[in-house]
PDB file of N, CA and C in Angstrom:
ATOM      1  N   MET A   1     127.448  93.788 104.671  1.00  0.00           N
ATOM      2  CA  MET A   1     127.890  94.750 105.680  1.00  0.00           C
ATOM      3  C   MET A   1     128.355  93.972 106.871  1.00  0.00           C
ATOM      4  N   GLY A   2     128.733  92.370 106.709  1.00  0.00           N
ATOM      5  CA  GLY A   2     129.315  91.787 107.577  1.00  0.00           C
ATOM      6  C   GLY A   2     128.414  91.019 108.695  1.00  0.00           C
ATOM      7  N   ARG A   3     127.094  91.163 108.560  1.00  0.00           N
ATOM      8  CA  ARG A   3     126.421  90.816 109.556  1.00  0.00           C
ATOM      9  C   ARG A   3     125.588  89.621 109.116  1.00  0.00           C
ATOM     10  N   LEU A   4     126.366  88.560 108.513  1.00  0.00           N
ATOM     11  CA  LEU A   4     125.528  87.408 107.951  1.00  0.00           C
ATOM     12  C   LEU A   4     124.868  86.591 108.859  1.00  0.00           C
ATOM     13  N   ASP A   5     125.361  86.350 110.129  1.00  0.00           N
ATOM     14  CA  ASP A   5     124.652  85.512 111.019  1.00  0.00           C
ATOM     15  C   ASP A   5     123.362  86.177 111.484  1.00  0.00           C
ATOM     16  N   GLU A   6     123.337  87.381 111.623  1.00  0.00           N
ATOM     17  CA  GLU A   6     122.030  88.053 112.004  1.00  0.00           C
ATOM     18  C   GLU A   6     121.043  87.955 110.863  1.00  0.00           C
ATOM     19  N   ALA A   7     121.664  88.090 109.435  1.00  0.00           N
ATOM     20  CA  ALA A   7     120.811  87.907 108.497  1.00  0.00           C
ATOM     21  C   ALA A   7     120.221  86.530 108.331  1.00  0.00           C
ATOM     22  N   VAL A   8     120.835  85.589 108.734  1.00  0.00           N
ATOM     23  CA  VAL A   8     120.297  84.324 108.780  1.00  0.00           C
ATOM     24  C   VAL A   8     119.461  84.133 109.928  1.00  0.00           C
ATOM     25  N   ASP A   9     119.335  84.651 110.965  1.00  0.00           N
ATOM     26  CA  ASP A   9     118.481  84.686 111.821  1.00  0.00           C
ATOM     27  C   ASP A   9     117.164  85.348 111.484  1.00  0.00           C
ATOM     28  N   GLN A  10     117.308  86.437 111.007  1.00  0.00           N
ATOM     29  CA  GLN A  10     116.335  87.197 110.613  1.00  0.00           C
ATOM     30  C   GLN A  10     115.326  86.463 109.238  1.00  0.00           C
ATOM     31  N   LEU A  11     116.036  86.074 108.423  1.00  0.00           N
ATOM     32  CA  LEU A  11     115.482  85.350 107.349  1.00  0.00           C
ATOM     33  C   LEU A  11     114.896  84.144 107.854  1.00  0.00           C
ATOM     34  N   GLN A  12     115.536  83.470 108.644  1.00  0.00           N
ATOM     35  CA  GLN A  12     114.611  82.249 109.327  1.00  0.00           C
ATOM     36  C   GLN A  12     113.333  82.512 109.772  1.00  0.00           C
ATOM     37  N   LYS A  13     113.339  83.709 110.549  1.00  0.00           N
ATOM     38  CA  LYS A  13     112.013  84.188 111.257  1.00  0.00           C
ATOM     39  C   LYS A  13     111.133  84.465 110.414  1.00  0.00           C
ATOM     40  N   ALA A  14     111.700  85.237 109.262  1.00  0.00           N
ATOM     41  CA  ALA A  14     110.607  85.590 108.259  1.00  0.00           C
ATOM     42  C   ALA A  14     110.072  84.412 107.371  1.00  0.00           C
ATOM     43  N   ILE A  15     110.823  83.414 107.162  1.00  0.00           N
ATOM     44  CA  ILE A  15     110.268  82.126 106.389  1.00  0.00           C
ATOM     45  C   ILE A  15     109.307  81.492 107.411  1.00  0.00           C
ATOM     46  N   ASP A  16     109.592  81.281 108.448  1.00  0.00           N
ATOM     47  CA  ASP A  16     108.877  80.567 109.628  1.00  0.00           C
ATOM     48  C   ASP A  16     107.425  81.152 109.660  1.00  0.00           C
ATOM     49  N   TRP A  17     107.572  82.738 109.699  1.00  0.00           N
ATOM     50  CA  TRP A  17     106.104  83.479 109.750  1.00  0.00           C
ATOM     51  C   TRP A  17     105.524  83.124 108.422  1.00  0.00           C
ATOM     52  N   ARG A  18     106.156  83.305 107.150  1.00  0.00           N
ATOM     53  CA  ARG A  18     105.340  83.310 105.964  1.00  0.00           C
ATOM     54  C   ARG A  18     105.093  82.090 105.757  1.00  0.00           C
ATOM     55  N   LYS A  19     105.688  80.843 106.024  1.00  0.00           N
ATOM     56  CA  LYS A  19     105.018  79.486 105.934  1.00  0.00           C
ATOM     57  C   LYS A  19     103.700  79.475 106.346  1.00  0.00           C
ATOM     58  N   THR A  20     103.306  80.118 107.615  1.00  0.00           N
ATOM     59  CA  THR A  20     102.153  79.875 108.241  1.00  0.00           C
ATOM     60  C   THR A  20     101.114  81.047 107.966  1.00  0.00           C
ATOM     61  N   LYS A  21     101.531  82.282 107.807  1.00  0.00           N
ATOM     62  CA  LYS A  21     100.694  83.352 107.755  1.00  0.00           C
ATOM     63  C   LYS A  21     100.620  84.241 106.585  1.00  0.00           C
ATOM     64  N   GLY A  22     101.680  83.866 105.884  1.00  0.00           N
ATOM     65  CA  GLY A  22     102.009  84.659 104.520  1.00  0.00           C
ATOM     66  C   GLY A  22     101.678  84.065 103.496  1.00  0.00           C
ATOM     67  N   ASN A  23     102.192  84.417 102.250  1.00  0.00           N
ATOM     68  CA  ASN A  23     101.856  83.756 100.990  1.00  0.00           C
ATOM     69  C   ASN A  23     103.169  82.869 100.317  1.00  0.00           C
ATOM     70  N   ALA A  24     102.969  82.060  99.520  1.00  0.00           N
ATOM     71  CA  ALA A  24     104.071  81.141  99.005  1.00  0.00           C
ATOM     72  C   ALA A  24     104.978  82.039  98.186  1.00  0.00           C
ATOM     73  N   THR A  25     104.566  83.071  97.669  1.00  0.00           N
ATOM     74  CA  THR A  25     105.694  84.004  96.814  1.00  0.00           C
ATOM     75  C   THR A  25     106.556  84.626  97.868  1.00  0.00           C
ATOM     76  N   ASP A  26     106.182  85.342  98.707  1.00  0.00           N
ATOM     77  CA  ASP A  26     106.949  86.036  99.752  1.00  0.00           C
ATOM     78  C   ASP A  26     107.877  84.992 100.621  1.00  0.00           C
ATOM     79  N   CYS A  27     107.511  83.815 100.734  1.00  0.00           N
ATOM     80  CA  CYS A  27     108.297  82.819 101.347  1.00  0.00           C
ATOM     81  C   CYS A  27     109.318  82.337 100.501  1.00  0.00           C
ATOM     82  N   ALA A  28     108.851  82.043  99.292  1.00  0.00           N
ATOM     83  CA  ALA A  28     109.952  81.685  98.259  1.00  0.00           C
ATOM     84  C   ALA A  28     111.120  82.709  98.199  1.00  0.00           C
ATOM     85  N   VAL A  29     110.598  84.043  98.177  1.00  0.00           N
ATOM     86  CA  VAL A  29     111.703  84.943  98.070  1.00  0.00           C
ATOM     87  C   VAL A  29     112.572  85.016  99.368  1.00  0.00           C
ATOM     88  N   SER A  30     111.991  84.957 100.493  1.00  0.00           N
ATOM     89  CA  SER A  30     112.870  84.845 101.862  1.00  0.00           C
ATOM     90  C   SER A  30     113.745  83.637 101.482  1.00  0.00           C
ATOM     91  N   VAL A  31     113.310  82.489 101.233  1.00  0.00           N
ATOM     92  CA  VAL A  31     114.187  81.167 101.197  1.00  0.00           C
ATOM     93  C   VAL A  31     115.124  81.535 100.171  1.00  0.00           C
ATOM     94  N   GLU A  32     115.072  82.299  98.972  1.00  0.00           N
ATOM     95  CA  GLU A  32     116.233  82.581  97.961  1.00  0.00           C
ATOM     96  C   GLU A  32     117.074  83.468  98.677  1.00  0.00           C
ATOM     97  N   ASN A  33     116.733  84.627  99.476  1.00  0.00           N
ATOM     98  CA  ASN A  33     117.520  85.281 100.088  1.00  0.00           C
ATOM     99  C   ASN A  33     118.411  84.770 101.013  1.00  0.00           C
ATOM    100  N   LEU A  34     117.781  83.760 101.939  1.00  0.00           N
ATOM    101  CA  LEU A  34     118.478  83.099 102.813  1.00  0.00           C
ATOM    102  C   LEU A  34     119.785  82.201 102.202  1.00  0.00           C
ATOM    103  N   ALA A  35     119.322  81.459 101.257  1.00  0.00           N
ATOM    104  CA  ALA A  35     120.126  80.717 100.354  1.00  0.00           C
ATOM    105  C   ALA A  35     121.486  81.539 100.013  1.00  0.00           C
ATOM    106  N   GLN A  36     121.145  82.844  99.519  1.00  0.00           N
ATOM    107  CA  GLN A  36     122.196  83.642  98.987  1.00  0.00           C
ATOM    108  C   GLN A  36     123.184  84.105 100.189  1.00  0.00           C
ATOM    109  N   VAL A  37     122.581  84.126 101.281  1.00  0.00           N
ATOM    110  CA  VAL A  37     123.313  84.676 102.396  1.00  0.00           C
ATOM    111  C   VAL A  37     124.219  83.450 102.757  1.00  0.00           C
ATOM    112  N   TRP A  38     123.660  82.078 102.834  1.00  0.00           N
ATOM    113  CA  TRP A  38     124.716  80.828 102.889  1.00  0.00           C
ATOM    114  C   TRP A  38     125.769  80.920 101.804  1.00  0.00           C
ATOM    115  N   GLU A  39     125.516  81.181 100.597  1.00  0.00           N
ATOM    116  CA  GLU A  39     126.623  81.499  99.651  1.00  0.00           C
ATOM    117  C   GLU A  39     127.621  82.394 100.044  1.00  0.00           C
ATOM    118  N   ALA A  40     127.047  83.445 100.492  1.00  0.00           N
ATOM    119  CA  ALA A  40     128.195  84.343 100.964  1.00  0.00           C
ATOM    120  C   ALA A  40     129.002  84.106 102.010  1.00  0.00           C
ATOM    121  N   LYS A  41     128.387  83.200 102.967  1.00  0.00           N
ATOM    122  CA  LYS A  41     129.060  82.506 104.074  1.00  0.00           C
ATOM    123  C   LYS A  41     130.101  81.551 103.529  1.00  0.00           C
ATOM    124  N   GLY A  42     130.044  81.257 102.227  1.00  0.00           N
ATOM    125  CA  GLY A  42     130.896  80.105 101.697  1.00  0.00           C
ATOM    126  C   GLY A  42     130.184  78.672 101.678  1.00  0.00           C
ATOM    127  N   ASP A  43     129.064  78.422 102.158  1.00  0.00           N
ATOM    128  CA  ASP A  43     128.347  77.396 102.495  1.00  0.00           C
ATOM    129  C   ASP A  43     127.430  76.868 101.333  1.00  0.00           C
ATOM    130  N   LEU A  44     127.962  76.532 100.053  1.00  0.00           N
ATOM    131  CA  LEU A  44     127.111  76.216  98.897  1.00  0.00           C
ATOM    132  C   LEU A  44     126.099  75.105  99.213  1.00  0.00           C
ATOM    133  N   GLY A  45     126.618  74.001 100.032  1.00  0.00           N
ATOM    134  CA  GLY A  45     125.663  72.960 100.649  1.00  0.00           C
ATOM    135  C   GLY A  45     124.608  73.417 101.225  1.00  0.00           C
ATOM    136  N   LYS A  46     124.919  74.236 102.314  1.00  0.00           N
ATOM    137  CA  LYS A  46     123.629  74.724 102.936  1.00  0.00           C
ATOM    138  C   LYS A  46     122.727  75.545 102.053  1.00  0.00           C
ATOM    139  N   ALA A  47     123.284  76.336 100.946  1.00  0.00           N
ATOM    140  CA  ALA A  47     122.474  77.113 100.289  1.00  0.00           C
ATOM    141  C   ALA A  47     121.411  76.334  99.331  1.00  0.00           C
ATOM    142  N   LEU A  48     122.069  75.298  98.887  1.00  0.00           N
ATOM    143  CA  LEU A  48     121.258  74.251  98.058  1.00  0.00           C
ATOM    144  C   LEU A  48     120.218  73.580  99.061  1.00  0.00           C
ATOM    145  N   GLU A  49     120.680  73.076 100.107  1.00  0.00           N
ATOM    146  CA  GLU A  49     119.595  72.384 101.088  1.00  0.00           C
ATOM    147  C   GLU A  49     118.421  73.583 101.454  1.00  0.00           C
ATOM    148  N   THR A  50     118.708  74.708 101.769  1.00  0.00           N
ATOM    149  CA  THR A  50     117.763  75.693 101.940  1.00  0.00           C
ATOM    150  C   THR A  50     116.840  75.977 100.726  1.00  0.00           C
ATOM    151  N   ARG A  51     117.280  75.939  99.591  1.00  0.00           N
ATOM    152  CA  ARG A  51     116.536  76.127  98.282  1.00  0.00           C
ATOM    153  C   ARG A  51     115.625  74.818  98.106  1.00  0.00           C
ATOM    154  N   VAL A  52     116.010  73.863  98.317  1.00  0.00           N
ATOM    155  CA  VAL A  52     115.135  72.744  98.162  1.00  0.00           C
ATOM    156  C   VAL A  52     114.290  72.069  99.297  1.00  0.00           C
ATOM    157  N   GLY A  53     114.736  72.498 100.434  1.00  0.00           N
ATOM    158  CA  GLY A  53     114.273  72.058 101.652  1.00  0.00           C
ATOM    159  C   GLY A  53     112.827  72.586 102.059  1.00  0.00           C
ATOM    160  N   TYR A  54     112.403  73.502 101.474  1.00  0.00           N
ATOM    161  CA  TYR A  54     111.220  74.304 101.824  1.00  0.00           C
ATOM    162  C   TYR A  54     110.126  73.853 101.126  1.00  0.00           C
ATOM    163  N   ASP A  55     109.984  74.240  99.647  1.00  0.00           N
ATOM    164  CA  ASP A  55     108.807  74.018  98.738  1.00  0.00           C
ATOM    165  C   ASP A  55     109.160  73.973  97.478  1.00  0.00           C
ATOM    166  N   VAL A  56     109.482  72.879  96.884  1.00  0.00           N
ATOM    167  CA  VAL A  56     109.949  72.780  95.430  1.00  0.00           C
ATOM    168  C   VAL A  56     108.975  73.176  94.412  1.00  0.00           C
ATOM    169  N   HIS A  57     107.639  73.454  94.892  1.00  0.00           N
ATOM    170  CA  HIS A  57     106.753  73.732  93.938  1.00  0.00           C
ATOM    171  C   HIS A  57     106.481  75.340  94.024  1.00  0.00           C
ATOM    172  N   HIS A  58     107.252  76.024  94.929  1.00  0.00           N
ATOM    173  CA  HIS A  58     107.268  77.478  94.731  1.00  0.00           C
ATOM    174  C   HIS A  58     108.623  77.939  95.131  1.00  0.00           C
ATOM    175  N   MET A  59     109.147  78.109  93.945  1.00  0.00           N
ATOM    176  CA  MET A  59     110.750  78.729  93.977  1.00  0.00           C
ATOM    177  C   MET A  59     110.915  79.918  93.049  1.00  0.00           C
ATOM    178  N   VAL A  60     111.871  80.669  93.572  1.00  0.00           N
ATOM    179  CA  VAL A  60     112.044  81.832  92.574  1.00  0.00           C
ATOM    180  C   VAL A  60     113.408  81.671  92.140  1.00  0.00           C
ATOM    181  N   CYS A  61     113.545  82.586  90.942  1.00  0.00           N
ATOM    182  CA  CYS A  61     114.993  82.395  90.017  1.00  0.00           C
ATOM    183  C   CYS A  61     115.953  82.991  90.992  1.00  0.00           C
ATOM    184  N   GLY A  62     117.233  82.437  90.819  1.00  0.00           N
ATOM    185  CA  GLY A  62     118.483  82.911  91.905  1.00  0.00           C
ATOM    186  C   GLY A  62     118.824  84.269  91.408  1.00  0.00           C
ATOM    187  N   ASN A  63     118.511  84.732  90.280  1.00  0.00           N
ATOM    188  CA  ASN A  63     118.713  86.219  89.766  1.00  0.00           C
ATOM    189  C   ASN A  63     117.713  87.247  90.507  1.00  0.00           C
ATOM    190  N   ASP A  64     118.457  87.880  91.327  1.00  0.00           N
ATOM    191  CA  ASP A  64     117.471  89.018  92.191  1.00  0.00           C
ATOM    192  C   ASP A  64     116.797  90.045  90.929  1.00  0.00           C
ATOM    193  N   GLU A  65     117.234  90.088  89.663  1.00  0.00           N
ATOM    194  CA  GLU A  65     116.572  91.174  88.797  1.00  0.00           C
ATOM    195  C   GLU A  65     115.456  90.421  88.344  1.00  0.00           C
ATOM    196  N   CYS A  66     115.234  89.139  88.379  1.00  0.00           N
ATOM    197  CA  CYS A  66     114.094  88.442  87.577  1.00  0.00           C
ATOM    198  C   CYS A  66     112.840  88.833  88.023  1.00  0.00           C
ATOM    199  N   PRO A  67     112.018  89.092  87.189  1.00  0.00           N
ATOM    200  CA  PRO A  67     110.625  89.835  87.700  1.00  0.00           C
ATOM    201  C   PRO A  67     109.872  89.141  88.772  1.00  0.00           C
ATOM    202  N   GLY A  68     110.027  88.091  89.208  1.00  0.00           N
ATOM    203  CA  GLY A  68     109.662  87.651  90.625  1.00  0.00           C
ATOM    204  C   GLY A  68     108.488  86.500  90.322  1.00  0.00           C
ATOM    205  N   ALA A  69     108.546  85.817  89.263  1.00  0.00           N
ATOM    206  CA  ALA A  69     107.736  84.645  89.090  1.00  0.00           C
ATOM    207  C   ALA A  69     108.087  83.792  90.121  1.00  0.00           C
ATOM    208  N   VAL A  70     107.053  82.813  90.153  1.00  0.00           N
ATOM    209  CA  VAL A  70     107.187  81.613  91.145  1.00  0.00           C
ATOM    210  C   VAL A  70     107.351  80.443  90.143  1.00  0.00           C
ATOM    211  N   PHE A  71     108.112  79.541  90.302  1.00  0.00           N
ATOM    212  CA  PHE A  71     108.249  78.224  89.521  1.00  0.00           C
ATOM    213  C   PHE A  71     108.379  76.880  90.273  1.00  0.00           C
ATOM    214  N   GLN A  72     108.050  75.934  89.639  1.00  0.00           N
ATOM    215  CA  GLN A  72     108.430  74.598  90.421  1.00  0.00           C
ATOM    216  C   GLN A  72     109.796  74.211  89.883  1.00  0.00           C
ATOM    217  N   LYS A  73     110.492  73.546  90.998  1.00  0.00           N
ATOM    218  CA  LYS A  73     111.790  73.323  90.630  1.00  0.00           C
ATOM    219  C   LYS A  73     112.063  72.577  89.475  1.00  0.00           C
ATOM    220  N   SER A  74     111.335  71.902  89.039  1.00  0.00           N
ATOM    221  CA  SER A  74     111.536  70.946  87.879  1.00  0.00           C
ATOM    222  C   SER A  74     111.345  72.008  86.444  1.00  0.00           C
ATOM    223  N   HIS A  75     110.935  73.035  86.701  1.00  0.00           N
ATOM    224  CA  HIS A  75     110.914  74.185  85.496  1.00  0.00           C
ATOM    225  C   HIS A  75     112.537  75.132  85.603  1.00  0.00           C
ATOM    226  N   LEU A  76     113.114  74.997  86.554  1.00  0.00           N
ATOM    227  CA  LEU A  76     114.157  75.593  86.599  1.00  0.00           C
ATOM    228  C   LEU A  76     115.507  75.003  86.287  1.00  0.00           C
ATOM    229  N   LYS A  77     116.477  75.753  85.948  1.00  0.00           N
ATOM    230  CA  LYS A  77     117.861  75.242  85.371  1.00  0.00           C
ATOM    231  C   LYS A  77     118.891  75.362  86.621  1.00  0.00           C
ATOM    232  N   THR A  78     119.714  74.460  86.814  1.00  0.00           N
ATOM    233  CA  THR A  78     120.701  74.856  87.847  1.00  0.00           C
ATOM    234  C   THR A  78     122.016  75.410  87.294  1.00  0.00           C
ATOM    235  N   CYS A  79     122.796  76.097  88.132  1.00  0.00           N
ATOM    236  CA  CYS A  79     124.153  76.197  87.876  1.00  0.00           C
ATOM    237  C   CYS A  79     124.910  75.401  87.504  1.00  0.00           C
ATOM    238  N   GLY A  80     125.581  75.126  86.289  1.00  0.00           N
ATOM    239  CA  GLY A  80     126.262  73.818  85.591  1.00  0.00           C
ATOM    240  C   GLY A  80     127.386  73.674  86.628  1.00  0.00           C
ATOM    241  N   ARG A  81     127.811  74.586  87.258  1.00  0.00           N
ATOM    242  CA  ARG A  81     129.300  74.399  88.081  1.00  0.00           C
ATOM    243  C   ARG A  81     129.076  73.907  89.340  1.00  0.00           C
ATOM    244  N   CYS A  82     128.278  74.547  90.120  1.00  0.00           N
ATOM    245  CA  CYS A  82     127.998  74.135  91.638  1.00  0.00           C
ATOM    246  C   CYS A  82     126.775  73.350  92.028  1.00  0.00           C
ATOM    247  N   LYS A  83     125.716  73.541  91.049  1.00  0.00           N
ATOM    248  CA  LYS A  83     124.505  72.922  91.113  1.00  0.00           C
ATOM    249  C   LYS A  83     123.702  73.179  92.134  1.00  0.00           C
ATOM    250  N   SER A  84     123.889  74.464  92.867  1.00  0.00           N
ATOM    251  CA  SER A  84     123.171  74.782  94.122  1.00  0.00           C
ATOM    252  C   SER A  84     122.274  76.118  93.684  1.00  0.00           C
ATOM    253  N   VAL A  85     122.351  76.588  92.589  1.00  0.00           N
ATOM    254  CA  VAL A  85     121.474  77.816  92.460  1.00  0.00           C
ATOM    255  C   VAL A  85     120.593  77.527  91.213  1.00  0.00           C
ATOM    256  N   PHE A  86     119.474  77.981  91.341  1.00  0.00           N
ATOM    257  CA  PHE A  86     118.198  77.740  90.245  1.00  0.00           C
ATOM    258  C   PHE A  86     117.866  78.818  89.443  1.00  0.00           C
ATOM    259  N   TYR A  87     117.884  78.731  88.099  1.00  0.00           N
ATOM    260  CA  TYR A  87     117.509  79.980  87.272  1.00  0.00           C
ATOM    261  C   TYR A  87     116.429  79.570  86.268  1.00  0.00           C
ATOM    262  N   CYS A  88     115.664  80.555  85.976  1.00  0.00           N
ATOM    263  CA  CYS A  88     114.608  80.211  84.985  1.00  0.00           C
ATOM    264  C   CYS A  88     114.888  80.337  83.582  1.00  0.00           C
ATOM    265  N   GLY A  89     116.222  80.875  83.260  1.00  0.00           N
ATOM    266  CA  GLY A  89     116.590  80.448  81.947  1.00  0.00           C
ATOM    267  C   GLY A  89     118.093  81.005  82.001  1.00  0.00           C
ATOM    268  N   ALA A  90     118.758  81.054  80.721  1.00  0.00           N
ATOM    269  CA  ALA A  90     119.964  81.189  80.478  1.00  0.00           C
ATOM    270  C   ALA A  90     120.405  82.595  80.671  1.00  0.00           C
ATOM    271  N   ARG A  91     119.282  83.655  80.300  1.00  0.00           N
ATOM    272  CA  ARG A  91     119.569  84.979  80.526  1.00  0.00           C
ATOM    273  C   ARG A  91     119.725  85.399  81.843  1.00  0.00           C
ATOM    274  N   CYS A  92     118.717  84.832  82.851  1.00  0.00           N
ATOM    275  CA  CYS A  92     119.010  85.327  84.286  1.00  0.00           C
ATOM    276  C   CYS A  92     120.225  84.736  84.902  1.00  0.00           C
ATOM    277  N   GLN A  93     120.581  83.503  84.209  1.00  0.00           N
ATOM    278  CA  GLN A  93     121.951  82.796  85.035  1.00  0.00           C
ATOM    279  C   GLN A  93     123.122  83.610  84.530  1.00  0.00           C
ATOM    280  N   LYS A  94     123.028  84.040  83.289  1.00  0.00           N
ATOM    281  CA  LYS A  94     124.294  84.966  82.918  1.00  0.00           C
ATOM    282  C   LYS A  94     124.397  86.168  83.630  1.00  0.00           C
ATOM    283  N   LEU A  95     123.044  86.925  83.875  1.00  0.00           N
ATOM    284  CA  LEU A  95     123.240  88.164  84.551  1.00  0.00           C
ATOM    285  C   LEU A  95     123.537  87.992  85.989  1.00  0.00           C
ATOM    286  N   ASP A  96     123.003  87.019  86.499  1.00  0.00           N
ATOM    287  CA  ASP A  96     123.493  86.666  87.956  1.00  0.00           C
ATOM    288  C   ASP A  96     124.961  86.169  88.174  1.00  0.00           C
ATOM    289  N   TRP A  97     125.571  85.538  87.301  1.00  0.00           N
ATOM    290  CA  TRP A  97     126.854  85.227  87.110  1.00  0.00           C
ATOM    291  C   TRP A  97     127.827  86.501  87.241  1.00  0.00           C
ATOM    292  N   LYS A  98     127.347  87.208  86.392  1.00  0.00           N
ATOM    293  CA  LYS A  98     128.205  88.623  86.333  1.00  0.00           C
ATOM    294  C   LYS A  98     128.030  89.492  87.650  1.00  0.00           C
ATOM    295  N   ALA A  99     126.833  89.700  88.145  1.00  0.00           N
ATOM    296  CA  ALA A  99     126.414  90.305  89.204  1.00  0.00           C
ATOM    297  C   ALA A  99     126.722  89.953  90.567  1.00  0.00           C
ATOM    298  N   ARG A 100     126.644  88.561  90.769  1.00  0.00           N
ATOM    299  CA  ARG A 100     126.908  88.082  92.097  1.00  0.00           C
ATOM    300  C   ARG A 100     127.380  86.783  92.407  1.00  0.00           C
ATOM    301  N   HIS A 101     126.887  85.816  91.610  1.00  0.00           N
ATOM    302  CA  HIS A 101     127.103  84.234  91.743  1.00  0.00           C
ATOM    303  C   HIS A 101     128.743  83.797  91.584  1.00  0.00           C
ATOM    304  N   LYS A 102     129.269  84.565  90.593  1.00  0.00           N
ATOM    305  CA  LYS A 102     130.717  84.019  90.336  1.00  0.00           C
ATOM    306  C   LYS A 102     131.693  84.063  91.369  1.00  0.00           C
ATOM    307  N   LYS A 103     131.471  84.968  92.170  1.00  0.00           N
ATOM    308  CA  LYS A 103     132.497  85.093  93.451  1.00  0.00           C
ATOM    309  C   LYS A 103     132.360  83.928  94.523  1.00  0.00           C
ATOM    310  N   TYR A 104     130.909  83.234  94.436  1.00  0.00           N
ATOM    311  CA  TYR A 104     130.662  82.337  95.279  1.00  0.00           C
ATOM    312  C   TYR A 104     130.852  80.840  94.718  1.00  0.00           C
ATOM    313  N   CYS A 105     130.780  80.546  93.352  1.00  0.00           N
ATOM    314  CA  CYS A 105     130.614  79.576  92.733  1.00  0.00           C
ATOM    315  C   CYS A 105     131.603  78.520  92.871  1.00  0.00           C
ATOM    316  N   LYS A 106     131.697  77.166  93.148  1.00  0.00           N
ATOM    317  CA  LYS A 106     132.576  76.493  93.271  1.00  0.00           C
ATOM    318  C   LYS A 106     132.259  75.045  92.551  1.00  0.00           C
ATOM    319  N   THR A 107     133.041  74.137  92.094  1.00  0.00           N
ATOM    320  CA  THR A 107     132.835  72.992  91.575  1.00  0.00           C
ATOM    321  C   THR A 107     132.394  71.980  92.754  1.00  0.00           C
ATOM    322  N   SER A 108     131.758  70.901  92.530  1.00  0.00           N
ATOM    323  CA  SER A 108     131.414  70.109  93.681  1.00  0.00           C
ATOM    324  C   SER A 108     132.548  69.418  94.077  1.00  0.00           C
ATOM    325  N   SER A 109     133.614  69.415  93.522  1.00  0.00           N
ATOM    326  CA  SER A 109     135.011  68.672  94.203  1.00  0.00           C
ATOM    327  C   SER A 109     135.598  69.768  95.115  1.00  0.00           C
ATOM    328  N   GLU A 110     135.139  71.168  94.792  1.00  0.00           N
ATOM    329  CA  GLU A 110     135.818  71.938  95.703  1.00  0.00           C
ATOM    330  C   GLU A 110     135.012  72.534  96.988  1.00  0.00           C
ATOM    331  N   LEU A 111     133.522  71.693  97.107  1.00  0.00           N
ATOM    332  CA  LEU A 111     132.967  71.930  98.177  1.00  0.00           C
ATOM    333  C   LEU A 111     133.323  71.230  99.617  1.00  0.00           C
TER     334      LEU A 111
END
């Protein structure tokens, strides 16, 4: 809807609140949502920084349709092209590629 700056502000507030008063799963989902906003803004570096900058022991899959499990970063696979999105497996990566990530993904030399 074109209100990406407002989304960044609201998601950052949600993350700050959830880090102190919420639970790790809700915080991880908000972090992933914020990272996806950075992708939409064309900043894959900031998306990666957001994903790994909070809690690498509580991360969610980058596919919005994933059932919502929480993973450690070491158990996730990265997008082979941009290395800024993490997935629980090949199926989720393929689904997210078709649904969302393809239009934002760039090679590291394009960043």
